[in-house]
Each structure stands twice: as structure tokens, then as C-alpha cells.
C-alpha atoms as a PDB file:
ATOM      1  CA  UNK A   1      95.918  79.541  97.018  1.00  0.00           C
ATOM      2  CA  UNK A   2      99.100  81.051  98.542  1.00  0.00           C
ATOM      3  CA  UNK A   3     100.141  84.614  97.910  1.00  0.00           C
ATOM      4  CA  UNK A   4     102.810  83.489  95.394  1.00  0.00           C
ATOM      5  CA  UNK A   5     100.176  82.310  92.876  1.00  0.00           C
ATOM      6  CA  UNK A   6     101.073  85.040  90.361  1.00  0.00           C
ATOM      7  CA  UNK A   7     104.825  84.320  90.185  1.00  0.00           C
ATOM      8  CA  UNK A   8     104.129  80.597  90.052  1.00  0.00           C
ATOM      9  CA  UNK A   9     101.873  81.069  87.047  1.00  0.00           C
ATOM     10  CA  UNK A  10     104.529  83.021  85.156  1.00  0.00           C
ATOM     11  CA  UNK A  11     107.408  80.693  85.992  1.00  0.00           C
ATOM     12  CA  UNK A  12     109.933  83.484  85.612  1.00  0.00           C
ATOM     13  CA  UNK A  13     108.439  84.890  82.453  1.00  0.00           C
ATOM     14  CA  UNK A  14     106.572  88.187  81.929  1.00  0.00           C
ATOM     15  CA  UNK A  15     102.902  87.735  81.266  1.00  0.00           C
ATOM     16  CA  UNK A  16     103.427  88.834  77.607  1.00  0.00           C
ATOM     17  CA  UNK A  17     106.048  86.093  77.208  1.00  0.00           C
ATOM     18  CA  UNK A  18     103.808  83.583  78.921  1.00  0.00           C
ATOM     19  CA  UNK A  19     100.752  84.389  76.841  1.00  0.00           C
ATOM     20  CA  UNK A  20     102.784  84.481  73.622  1.00  0.00           C
ATOM     21  CA  UNK A  21     104.149  81.008  74.337  1.00  0.00           C
ATOM     22  CA  UNK A  22     100.726  79.620  75.159  1.00  0.00           C
ATOM     23  CA  UNK A  23      99.174  81.220  72.133  1.00  0.00           C
ATOM     24  CA  UNK A  24     101.767  79.651  69.878  1.00  0.00           C
ATOM     25  CA  UNK A  25     100.905  76.316  71.550  1.00  0.00           C
ATOM     26  CA  UNK A  26      97.243  76.884  70.662  1.00  0.00           C
ATOM     27  CA  UNK A  27      96.092  77.331  74.269  1.00  0.00           C
ATOM     28  CA  UNK A  28      93.493  80.035  74.809  1.00  0.00           C
ATOM     29  CA  UNK A  29      93.945  82.157  77.925  1.00  0.00           C
ATOM     30  CA  UNK A  30      91.906  84.840  79.686  1.00  0.00           C
ATOM     31  CA  UNK A  31      92.710  88.514  79.237  1.00  0.00           C
ATOM     32  CA  UNK A  32      94.908  89.097  76.219  1.00  0.00           C
ATOM     33  CA  UNK A  33      94.426  85.729  74.610  1.00  0.00           C
ATOM     34  CA  UNK A  34      90.663  85.590  75.264  1.00  0.00           C
ATOM     35  CA  UNK A  35      90.214  88.155  72.540  1.00  0.00           C
ATOM     36  CA  UNK A  36      89.480  86.022  69.482  1.00  0.00           C
ATOM     37  CA  UNK A  37      91.085  88.452  67.016  1.00  0.00           C
ATOM     38  CA  UNK A  38      94.634  89.606  67.478  1.00  0.00           C
ATOM     39  CA  UNK A  39      95.161  93.380  67.757  1.00  0.00           C
ATOM     40  CA  UNK A  40      98.861  93.104  68.537  1.00  0.00           C
ATOM     41  CA  UNK A  41      99.678  96.083  66.291  1.00  0.00           C
ATOM     42  CA  UNK A  42      97.540  98.306  68.529  1.00  0.00           C
ATOM     43  CA  UNK A  43      98.735  97.100  71.964  1.00  0.00           C
ATOM     44  CA  UNK A  44     100.269  99.972  73.841  1.00  0.00           C
ATOM     45  CA  UNK A  45     103.357  99.314  75.922  1.00  0.00           C
ATOM     46  CA  UNK A  46     104.416 101.955  78.358  1.00  0.00           C
ATOM     47  CA  UNK A  47     108.119 101.746  79.248  1.00  0.00           C
ATOM     48  CA  UNK A  48     109.307 102.050  82.809  1.00  0.00           C
ATOM     49  CA  UNK A  49     111.962 104.597  82.013  1.00  0.00           C
ATOM     50  CA  UNK A  50     111.785 107.614  84.366  1.00  0.00           C
ATOM     51  CA  UNK A  51     109.286 105.855  86.626  1.00  0.00           C
ATOM     52  CA  UNK A  52     109.608 103.418  89.431  1.00  0.00           C
ATOM     53  CA  UNK A  53     107.551 100.216  89.407  1.00  0.00           C
ATOM     54  CA  UNK A  54     107.212  97.883  92.297  1.00  0.00           C
ATOM     55  CA  UNK A  55     105.266  94.687  93.126  1.00  0.00           C
ATOM     56  CA  UNK A  56     104.100  94.284  96.680  1.00  0.00           C
ATOM     57  CA  UNK A  57     101.680  92.858  99.181  1.00  0.00           C
ATOM     58  CA  UNK A  58      99.114  94.716 101.303  1.00  0.00           C
ATOM     59  CA  UNK A  59      97.918  92.845 104.424  1.00  0.00           C
ATOM     60  CA  UNK A  60      94.177  92.638 104.973  1.00  0.00           C
ATOM     61  CA  UNK A  61      92.662  90.458 107.581  1.00  0.00           C
ATOM     62  CA  UNK A  62      94.291  87.000 107.094  1.00  0.00           C
ATOM     63  CA  UNK A  63      95.473  87.651 103.498  1.00  0.00           C
ATOM     64  CA  UNK A  64      98.039  89.683 101.668  1.00  0.00           C
ATOM     65  CA  UNK A  65      96.713  91.424  98.603  1.00  0.00           C
ATOM     66  CA  UNK A  66      99.113  91.447  95.581  1.00  0.00           C
ATOM     67  CA  UNK A  67      99.617  95.005  94.322  1.00  0.00           C
ATOM     68  CA  UNK A  68     101.588  96.716  91.551  1.00  0.00           C
ATOM     69  CA  UNK A  69     102.494 100.363  91.832  1.00  0.00           C
ATOM     70  CA  UNK A  70     104.145 102.894  89.623  1.00  0.00           C
ATOM     71  CA  UNK A  71     105.281 106.468  90.293  1.00  0.00           C
ATOM     72  CA  UNK A  72     107.578 109.134  88.812  1.00  0.00           C
ATOM     73  CA  UNK A  73     111.252 108.493  89.520  1.00  0.00           C
ATOM     74  CA  UNK A  74     111.845 112.023  90.762  1.00  0.00           C
ATOM     75  CA  UNK A  75     111.635 112.379  94.534  1.00  0.00           C
ATOM     76  CA  UNK A  76     108.574 114.037  95.960  1.00  0.00           C
ATOM     77  CA  UNK A  77     104.945 113.367  96.930  1.00  0.00           C
ATOM     78  CA  UNK A  78     102.332 112.713  94.254  1.00  0.00           C
ATOM     79  CA  UNK A  79      98.580 112.563  94.090  1.00  0.00           C
ATOM     80  CA  UNK A  80      97.380 108.985  94.205  1.00  0.00           C
ATOM     81  CA  UNK A  81      95.243 106.991  91.702  1.00  0.00           C
ATOM     82  CA  UNK A  82      93.955 103.532  92.576  1.00  0.00           C
ATOM     83  CA  UNK A  83      93.304 101.493  89.459  1.00  0.00           C
ATOM     84  CA  UNK A  84      90.664  98.695  89.730  1.00  0.00           C
ATOM     85  CA  UNK A  85      91.129  95.922  87.128  1.00  0.00           C
ATOM     86  CA  UNK A  86      88.628  94.421  84.684  1.00  0.00           C
ATOM     87  CA  UNK A  87      87.127  91.014  85.301  1.00  0.00           C
ATOM     88  CA  UNK A  88      90.404  89.451  84.074  1.00  0.00           C
ATOM     89  CA  UNK A  89      92.301  90.822  87.060  1.00  0.00           C
ATOM     90  CA  UNK A  90      95.748  92.420  87.240  1.00  0.00           C
ATOM     91  CA  UNK A  91      97.021  91.499  83.877  1.00  0.00           C
ATOM     92  CA  UNK A  92      99.549  93.314  81.771  1.00  0.00           C
ATOM     93  CA  UNK A  93      97.149  95.842  80.236  1.00  0.00           C
ATOM     94  CA  UNK A  94      96.076  97.025  83.721  1.00  0.00           C
ATOM     95  CA  UNK A  95      99.702  97.241  84.801  1.00  0.00           C
ATOM     96  CA  UNK A  96     100.399  99.299  81.688  1.00  0.00           C
ATOM     97  CA  UNK A  97      97.569 101.645  82.539  1.00  0.00           C
ATOM     98  CA  UNK A  98      99.140 102.004  85.988  1.00  0.00           C
ATOM     99  CA  UNK A  99     102.431 103.033  84.404  1.00  0.00           C
ATOM    100  CA  UNK A 100     100.581 105.480  82.178  1.00  0.00           C
ATOM    101  CA  UNK A 101      99.292 107.235  85.255  1.00  0.00           C
ATOM    102  CA  UNK A 102     102.860 107.403  86.676  1.00  0.00           C
ATOM    103  CA  UNK A 103     104.015 109.069  83.516  1.00  0.00           C
ATOM    104  CA  UNK A 104     101.293 111.634  84.045  1.00  0.00           C
ATOM    105  CA  UNK A 105     102.682 112.428  87.498  1.00  0.00           C
ATOM    106  CA  UNK A 106     100.671 110.216  89.791  1.00  0.00           C
ATOM    107  CA  UNK A 107     101.481 107.474  92.275  1.00  0.00           C
ATOM    108  CA  UNK A 108      99.306 104.726  90.844  1.00  0.00           C
ATOM    109  CA  UNK A 109      98.435 101.455  92.489  1.00  0.00           C
ATOM    110  CA  UNK A 110      96.510  98.442  91.155  1.00  0.00           C
ATOM    111  CA  UNK A 111      95.845  95.068  92.692  1.00  0.00           C
ATOM    112  CA  UNK A 112      94.612  91.498  92.044  1.00  0.00           C
ATOM    113  CA  UNK A 113      91.006  91.190  93.307  1.00  0.00           C
ATOM    114  CA  UNK A 114      90.889  87.475  92.703  1.00  0.00           C
ATOM    115  CA  UNK A 115      94.189  86.302  94.253  1.00  0.00           C
ATOM    116  CA  UNK A 116      92.346  84.360  96.933  1.00  0.00           C
ATOM    117  CA  UNK A 117      90.740  82.268  94.172  1.00  0.00           C
ATOM    118  CA  UNK A 118      94.097  81.773  92.420  1.00  0.00           C
ATOM    119  CA  UNK A 119      93.419  84.380  89.776  1.00  0.00           C
ATOM    120  CA  UNK A 120      91.908  83.776  86.351  1.00  0.00           C
ATOM    121  CA  UNK A 121      95.160  83.752  84.268  1.00  0.00           C
ATOM    122  CA  UNK A 122      94.899  80.136  83.263  1.00  0.00           C
ATOM    123  CA  UNK A 123      91.243  79.853  82.718  1.00  0.00           C
ATOM    124  CA  UNK A 124      90.184  79.039  79.059  1.00  0.00           C
ATOM    125  CA  UNK A 125      87.094  81.102  78.504  1.00  0.00           C
ATOM    126  CA  UNK A 126      84.812  83.872  79.913  1.00  0.00           C
ATOM    127  CA  UNK A 127      82.383  81.339  81.376  1.00  0.00           C
ATOM    128  CA  UNK A 128      85.176  79.859  83.471  1.00  0.00           C
ATOM    129  CA  UNK A 129      86.309  83.296  84.536  1.00  0.00           C
ATOM    130  CA  UNK A 130      82.775  84.274  85.625  1.00  0.00           C
ATOM    131  CA  UNK A 131      82.401  81.122  87.700  1.00  0.00           C
ATOM    132  CA  UNK A 132      85.413  82.345  89.759  1.00  0.00           C
ATOM    133  CA  UNK A 133      84.673  86.059  89.735  1.00  0.00           C
ATOM    134  CA  UNK A 134      80.872  86.333  90.081  1.00  0.00           C
ATOM    135  CA  UNK A 135      80.624  84.849  93.587  1.00  0.00           C
ATOM    136  CA  UNK A 136      83.127  87.330  95.046  1.00  0.00           C
ATOM    137  CA  UNK A 137      81.144  89.658  97.299  1.00  0.00           C
ATOM    138  CA  UNK A 138      81.307  93.414  96.626  1.00  0.00           C
ATOM    139  CA  UNK A 139      81.942  93.911 100.367  1.00  0.00           C
ATOM    140  CA  UNK A 140      85.206  91.959 100.083  1.00  0.00           C
ATOM    141  CA  UNK A 141      86.369  94.088  97.202  1.00  0.00           C
ATOM    142  CA  UNK A 142      85.497  97.242  99.136  1.00  0.00           C
ATOM    143  CA  UNK A 143      87.539  95.873 102.056  1.00  0.00           C
ATOM    144  CA  UNK A 144      90.513  95.252  99.782  1.00  0.00           C
ATOM    145  CA  UNK A 145      90.240  98.771  98.458  1.00  0.00           C
ATOM    146  CA  UNK A 146      89.952 100.221 101.964  1.00  0.00           C
ATOM    147  CA  UNK A 147      93.228  98.392 102.853  1.00  0.00           C
ATOM    148  CA  UNK A 148      94.967  99.661  99.703  1.00  0.00           C
ATOM    149  CA  UNK A 149      93.713 103.190 100.483  1.00  0.00           C
ATOM    150  CA  UNK A 150      95.156 102.910 103.983  1.00  0.00           C
ATOM    151  CA  UNK A 151      98.436 101.664 102.528  1.00  0.00           C
ATOM    152  CA  UNK A 152      98.465 104.579 100.044  1.00  0.00           C
ATOM    153  CA  UNK A 153      97.955 107.173 102.820  1.00  0.00           C
ATOM    154  CA  UNK A 154     101.149 106.045 104.425  1.00  0.00           C
ATOM    155  CA  UNK A 155     103.180 105.813 101.201  1.00  0.00           C
ATOM    156  CA  UNK A 156     106.294 108.067 101.339  1.00  0.00           C
ATOM    157  CA  UNK A 157     105.676 109.133  97.742  1.00  0.00           C
ATOM    158  CA  UNK A 158     101.973 109.789  98.122  1.00  0.00           C
ATOM    159  CA  UNK A 159      99.839 112.746  99.076  1.00  0.00           C
ATOM    160  CA  UNK A 160      97.615 111.194 101.647  1.00  0.00           C
ATOM    161  CA  UNK A 161      94.737 113.638 101.209  1.00  0.00           C
ATOM    162  CA  UNK A 162      94.707 113.497  97.394  1.00  0.00           C
ATOM    163  CA  UNK A 163      93.394 110.055  96.400  1.00  0.00           C
ATOM    164  CA  UNK A 164      91.258 109.174  93.438  1.00  0.00           C
ATOM    165  CA  UNK A 165      89.936 105.902  92.035  1.00  0.00           C
ATOM    166  CA  UNK A 166      89.351 104.599  88.481  1.00  0.00           C
ATOM    167  CA  UNK A 167      88.394 101.248  87.025  1.00  0.00           C
ATOM    168  CA  UNK A 168      87.420  99.381  83.895  1.00  0.00           C
ATOM    169  CA  UNK A 169      84.403  97.175  83.126  1.00  0.00           C
ATOM    170  CA  UNK A 170      83.636  95.494  86.476  1.00  0.00           C
ATOM    171  CA  UNK A 171      86.283  97.720  87.940  1.00  0.00           C
ATOM    172  CA  UNK A 172      84.276 100.656  86.676  1.00  0.00           C
ATOM    173  CA  UNK A 173      81.231  99.459  88.668  1.00  0.00           C
ATOM    174  CA  UNK A 174      83.489  98.972  91.698  1.00  0.00           C
ATOM    175  CA  UNK A 175      84.827 102.516  91.129  1.00  0.00           C
ATOM    176  CA  UNK A 176      81.300 103.892  91.557  1.00  0.00           C
ATOM    177  CA  UNK A 177      80.557 101.679  94.556  1.00  0.00           C
ATOM    178  CA  UNK A 178      83.849 102.606  96.225  1.00  0.00           C
ATOM    179  CA  UNK A 179      83.245 106.329  95.684  1.00  0.00           C
ATOM    180  CA  UNK A 180      80.106 105.890  97.771  1.00  0.00           C
ATOM    181  CA  UNK A 181      81.800 103.607 100.273  1.00  0.00           C
ATOM    182  CA  UNK A 182      85.000 105.489 101.138  1.00  0.00           C
ATOM    183  CA  UNK A 183      84.790 109.273 101.489  1.00  0.00           C
ATOM    184  CA  UNK A 184      88.569 109.659 101.307  1.00  0.00           C
ATOM    185  CA  UNK A 185      88.167 109.566  97.539  1.00  0.00           C
ATOM    186  CA  UNK A 186      88.594 113.070  96.064  1.00  0.00           C
ATOM    187  CA  UNK A 187      87.771 112.093  92.457  1.00  0.00           C
ATOM    188  CA  UNK A 188      86.501 109.047  90.519  1.00  0.00           C
ATOM    189  CA  UNK A 189      86.590 108.040  86.883  1.00  0.00           C
ATOM    190  CA  UNK A 190      84.460 105.007  85.916  1.00  0.00           C
ATOM    191  CA  UNK A 191      85.155 103.334  82.550  1.00  0.00           C
ATOM    192  CA  UNK A 192      82.051 101.512  81.234  1.00  0.00           C
ATOM    193  CA  UNK A 193      81.057 100.122  84.656  1.00  0.00           C
ATOM    194  CA  UNK A 194      77.624  98.591  85.091  1.00  0.00           C
ATOM    195  CA  UNK A 195      74.963 101.000  86.418  1.00  0.00           C
ATOM    196  CA  UNK A 196      72.289  98.370  87.120  1.00  0.00           C
ATOM    197  CA  UNK A 197      74.260  95.179  87.817  1.00  0.00           C
ATOM    198  CA  UNK A 198      72.473  91.934  88.662  1.00  0.00           C
ATOM    199  CA  UNK A 199      71.780  91.377  92.366  1.00  0.00           C
ATOM    200  CA  UNK A 200      72.752  88.153  94.103  1.00  0.00           C
ATOM    201  CA  UNK A 201      72.153  87.413  97.781  1.00  0.00           C
ATOM    202  CA  UNK A 202      75.426  87.403  99.653  1.00  0.00           C
ATOM    203  CA  UNK A 203      77.240  88.969  96.729  1.00  0.00           C
ATOM    204  CA  UNK A 204      75.557  92.167  95.714  1.00  0.00           C
ATOM    205  CA  UNK A 205      72.470  93.883  97.173  1.00  0.00           C
ATOM    206  CA  UNK A 206      72.691  97.184  95.351  1.00  0.00           C
ATOM    207  CA  UNK A 207      74.226  98.844  92.346  1.00  0.00           C
ATOM    208  CA  UNK A 208      75.702 102.293  91.715  1.00  0.00           C
ATOM    209  CA  UNK A 209      72.437 103.945  90.750  1.00  0.00           C
ATOM    210  CA  UNK A 210      70.916 103.062  94.144  1.00  0.00           C
ATOM    211  CA  UNK A 211      73.685 104.667  96.158  1.00  0.00           C
ATOM    212  CA  UNK A 212      74.403 107.707  93.964  1.00  0.00           C
ATOM    213  CA  UNK A 213      73.483 110.131  96.753  1.00  0.00           C
ATOM    214  CA  UNK A 214      76.229 108.640  98.932  1.00  0.00           C
ATOM    215  CA  UNK A 215      78.948 109.672  96.469  1.00  0.00           C
ATOM    216  CA  UNK A 216      80.705 112.756  97.670  1.00  0.00           C
ATOM    217  CA  UNK A 217      83.583 113.142  95.149  1.00  0.00           C
ATOM    218  CA  UNK A 218      83.423 114.434  91.567  1.00  0.00           C
ATOM    219  CA  UNK A 219      82.617 111.564  89.136  1.00  0.00           C
ATOM    220  CA  UNK A 220      83.495 111.205  85.459  1.00  0.00           C
ATOM    221  CA  UNK A 221      81.878 108.383  83.515  1.00  0.00           C
ATOM    222  CA  UNK A 222      83.320 107.159  80.200  1.00  0.00           C
ATOM    223  CA  UNK A 223      81.004 104.924  78.179  1.00  0.00           C
ATOM    224  CA  UNK A 224      80.250 103.766  74.680  1.00  0.00           C
ATOM    225  CA  UNK A 225      76.806 104.275  73.253  1.00  0.00           C
ATOM    226  CA  UNK A 226      77.117 100.926  71.371  1.00  0.00           C
ATOM    227  CA  UNK A 227      77.778  99.000  74.593  1.00  0.00           C
ATOM    228  CA  UNK A 228      75.208  96.205  74.378  1.00  0.00           C
ATOM    229  CA  UNK A 229      75.443  95.491  78.114  1.00  0.00           C
ATOM    230  CA  UNK A 230      74.999  99.051  79.426  1.00  0.00           C
ATOM    231  CA  UNK A 231      72.110 100.984  77.918  1.00  0.00           C
ATOM    232  CA  UNK A 232      72.797 104.665  77.222  1.00  0.00           C
ATOM    233  CA  UNK A 233      69.636 105.437  79.172  1.00  0.00           C
ATOM    234  CA  UNK A 234      71.234 103.936  82.315  1.00  0.00           C
ATOM    235  CA  UNK A 235      74.321 106.099  81.823  1.00  0.00           C
ATOM    236  CA  UNK A 236      72.208 109.224  81.488  1.00  0.00           C
ATOM    237  CA  UNK A 237      70.159 108.251  84.486  1.00  0.00           C
ATOM    238  CA  UNK A 238      73.225 107.761  86.667  1.00  0.00           C
ATOM    239  CA  UNK A 239      74.507 111.218  85.683  1.00  0.00           C
ATOM    240  CA  UNK A 240      71.064 112.725  86.366  1.00  0.00           C
ATOM    241  CA  UNK A 241      70.837 111.043  89.738  1.00  0.00           C
ATOM    242  CA  UNK A 242      74.230 112.395  90.802  1.00  0.00           C
ATOM    243  CA  UNK A 243      73.412 115.934  89.662  1.00  0.00           C
ATOM    244  CA  UNK A 244      69.979 115.801  91.326  1.00  0.00           C
ATOM    245  CA  UNK A 245      71.742 114.941  94.564  1.00  0.00           C
ATOM    246  CA  UNK A 246      73.982 117.970  94.120  1.00  0.00           C
ATOM    247  CA  UNK A 247      77.101 116.060  93.053  1.00  0.00           C
ATOM    248  CA  UNK A 248      79.685 117.086  90.473  1.00  0.00           C
ATOM    249  CA  UNK A 249      79.333 114.638  87.584  1.00  0.00           C
ATOM    250  CA  UNK A 250      80.002 114.286  83.860  1.00  0.00           C
ATOM    251  CA  UNK A 251      79.178 111.192  81.883  1.00  0.00           C
ATOM    252  CA  UNK A 252      80.370 110.909  78.286  1.00  0.00           C
ATOM    253  CA  UNK A 253      78.892 108.536  75.713  1.00  0.00           C
ATOM    254  CA  UNK A 254      81.148 107.897  72.712  1.00  0.00           C
ATOM    255  CA  UNK A 255      79.227 107.410  69.450  1.00  0.00           C
ATOM    256  CA  UNK A 256      79.702 103.905  68.043  1.00  0.00           C
ATOM    257  CA  UNK A 257      81.999 102.796  70.766  1.00  0.00           C
ATOM    258  CA  UNK A 258      81.437  99.363  72.269  1.00  0.00           C
ATOM    259  CA  UNK A 259      82.152  98.055  75.714  1.00  0.00           C
ATOM    260  CA  UNK A 260      85.856  97.993  76.586  1.00  0.00           C
ATOM    261  CA  UNK A 261      86.762 100.586  73.942  1.00  0.00           C
ATOM    262  CA  UNK A 262      89.870 101.500  75.880  1.00  0.00           C
ATOM    263  CA  UNK A 263      91.220  97.921  76.021  1.00  0.00           C
ATOM    264  CA  UNK A 264      93.936  98.157  73.404  1.00  0.00           C
ATOM    265  CA  UNK A 265      94.624  94.389  73.493  1.00  0.00           C
ATOM    266  CA  UNK A 266      91.076  93.492  72.395  1.00  0.00           C
ATOM    267  CA  UNK A 267      89.038  93.897  69.191  1.00  0.00           C
ATOM    268  CA  UNK A 268      86.775  96.319  71.052  1.00  0.00           C
ATOM    269  CA  UNK A 269      89.523  98.952  71.063  1.00  0.00           C
ATOM    270  CA  UNK A 270      88.590 102.265  69.456  1.00  0.00           C
ATOM    271  CA  UNK A 271      91.691 104.431  69.231  1.00  0.00           C
ATOM    272  CA  UNK A 272      89.986 107.762  68.753  1.00  0.00           C
ATOM    273  CA  UNK A 273      87.516 107.296  71.620  1.00  0.00           C
ATOM    274  CA  UNK A 274      90.252 105.816  73.796  1.00  0.00           C
ATOM    275  CA  UNK A 275      92.569 108.824  73.290  1.00  0.00           C
ATOM    276  CA  UNK A 276      89.827 111.300  74.009  1.00  0.00           C
ATOM    277  CA  UNK A 277      88.702 109.419  77.106  1.00  0.00           C
ATOM    278  CA  UNK A 278      92.204 109.130  78.430  1.00  0.00           C
ATOM    279  CA  UNK A 279      92.690 112.829  78.013  1.00  0.00           C
ATOM    280  CA  UNK A 280      89.457 113.489  79.904  1.00  0.00           C
ATOM    281  CA  UNK A 281      90.427 111.048  82.669  1.00  0.00           C
ATOM    282  CA  UNK A 282      93.832 112.615  83.276  1.00  0.00           C
ATOM    283  CA  UNK A 283      92.320 116.121  83.140  1.00  0.00           C
ATOM    284  CA  UNK A 284      89.717 115.108  85.721  1.00  0.00           C
ATOM    285  CA  UNK A 285      92.371 113.853  88.153  1.00  0.00           C
ATOM    286  CA  UNK A 286      94.559 116.888  87.437  1.00  0.00           C
ATOM    287  CA  UNK A 287      91.634 119.152  88.338  1.00  0.00           C
ATOM    288  CA  UNK A 288      90.518 117.402  91.494  1.00  0.00           C
ATOM    289  CA  UNK A 289      93.684 115.790  92.893  1.00  0.00           C
ATOM    290  CA  UNK A 290      96.332 118.412  92.284  1.00  0.00           C
ATOM    291  CA  UNK A 291      97.011 120.861  95.023  1.00  0.00           C
END
């Protein structure tokens, strides 16, 4: 697919408008619309007042990675937070999170990990999404993140030596892998990322737990103890492995919180846990990225 896949999919509409129109037509879509129960009253929308938002492309090998960035409108250099999307890619919720970081005083950058495959915007169910996403090698995502990191270090509004990474769901797993892969990261916050992901030849040969000792930056983990896909024991083991290796780490398990408890567009959203976790996330980056 060409690099204009995203704008083609929207046909001049915002993603919210697009999904609303498709939902009215009875067509189920990934991301927002994949949630079977509407939680529209809970969906958080962060305005772009007093911040600057920009769409862009970052070259990597023979491809241009679609990115979305947000930063405070006031001139200056800001610490940088790279936001890694969920399995659904760079949809509106992830862009909103990027704007939230800008409002907290960061230059925040997210990207579309699955642009080469045409994205997953129009796919009807999670099975279809996984057929596209699961074969993507971790090494390719690490390469994309390296390219975005290199772009961020040259950004006129960024502090090149103050870069952190965060991500949600699969992006949370990638957060832990990237913290081990790229030592330019000064802080990492993983939101309910797999600790022991399935291994597939040519796609994934190790998970976060196996490379814990390679992580050099402080790591905050935010998990729900009711997450049926990530046992609490795995979360505690990851924290223990990092601390045993002499790393700075704190992993929080929220009582009764399921997977994706921060995703305010899905039924899994838990407002109290989400608010607390966001506060911890921002405080972590404030502590380790601010000069």
C-alpha cells in the first residue's frame, strides 16, 4: 500500500466522523467500533488548543512511516515521549493520548506500525486484525522506533537527550522490548504489555522477561490484576527480574481492572484506575525526563 493509505481511508473525514458514519450504517470496524458496547459518554477528547499537532512521515529504508506529533504551542525544547499504539494502530484514541502528553509539557510522537500492510482501520473483527498484525516481525517495529527516535533527536522542539517510550497492549510489550533495544531511552512506561508473548519463528524469538537485564532505563508497568491474558504472577516476575538485575522498576497491579483499562473508548475502561495510572505515568516521565 502507498503511504497515503490513511488519508484515503478517511476520504476527508476525521476518524470519529468516519466511524460514526459506518456505525450508523451497521458496519463494524476495528478500534472504536470493535468494542461491542458503546462507551461514548466516557470517551475523552483532548482539544488541540495551546498545542501544535502535525501529521508527518519518517523515512526508514524504502518506506515512509506515518507519524502524528503534538507539542506545547509555546516555543522551546521539550522532553520527548514516543507513544506506541495498541494492536489497532494509530487510531483516534492513540492520537488523543499523544495530545494529552503535549498538554503535560512533552513533545509526543506516535506512529502507524501497520501502514505497510494498509493498516487495520477497515477490518471487521479482531481475527482479521490479528491476521495482519501477528506476522509483523518485532525487529521491524524496533527498526521503525529507531527511525522515529533518530527523527526525534533532530526535532527543533525536542530535547534530544531526554527521550522516553510508552505503549498500550501490544505497544506495551514493544515498550519493554524497545527499552532493551535502544539505550537512548531514559524512561519507559508499559501499559498492560505481554510479559511472556507467544514465540513465532521469523516474528518473535524472545519476550520482555528474557531480556530484562538489557533494559537500562527506569521502567514503570501499569497492569490490571483481572487481565485474563497477563497473569499477575508474570507481572510480579518481570518487576523482580528487573530489580534483581539492579534496574529501577515499579509495577502496579490495579485490583479488579481488566486488560485495556485505560482505553476510554472500550467497555474495559475503568475511570478510577485509568486516572491513577495516568498520574503515575506522567509523574514517571516528569521524574526521569525533566532536566
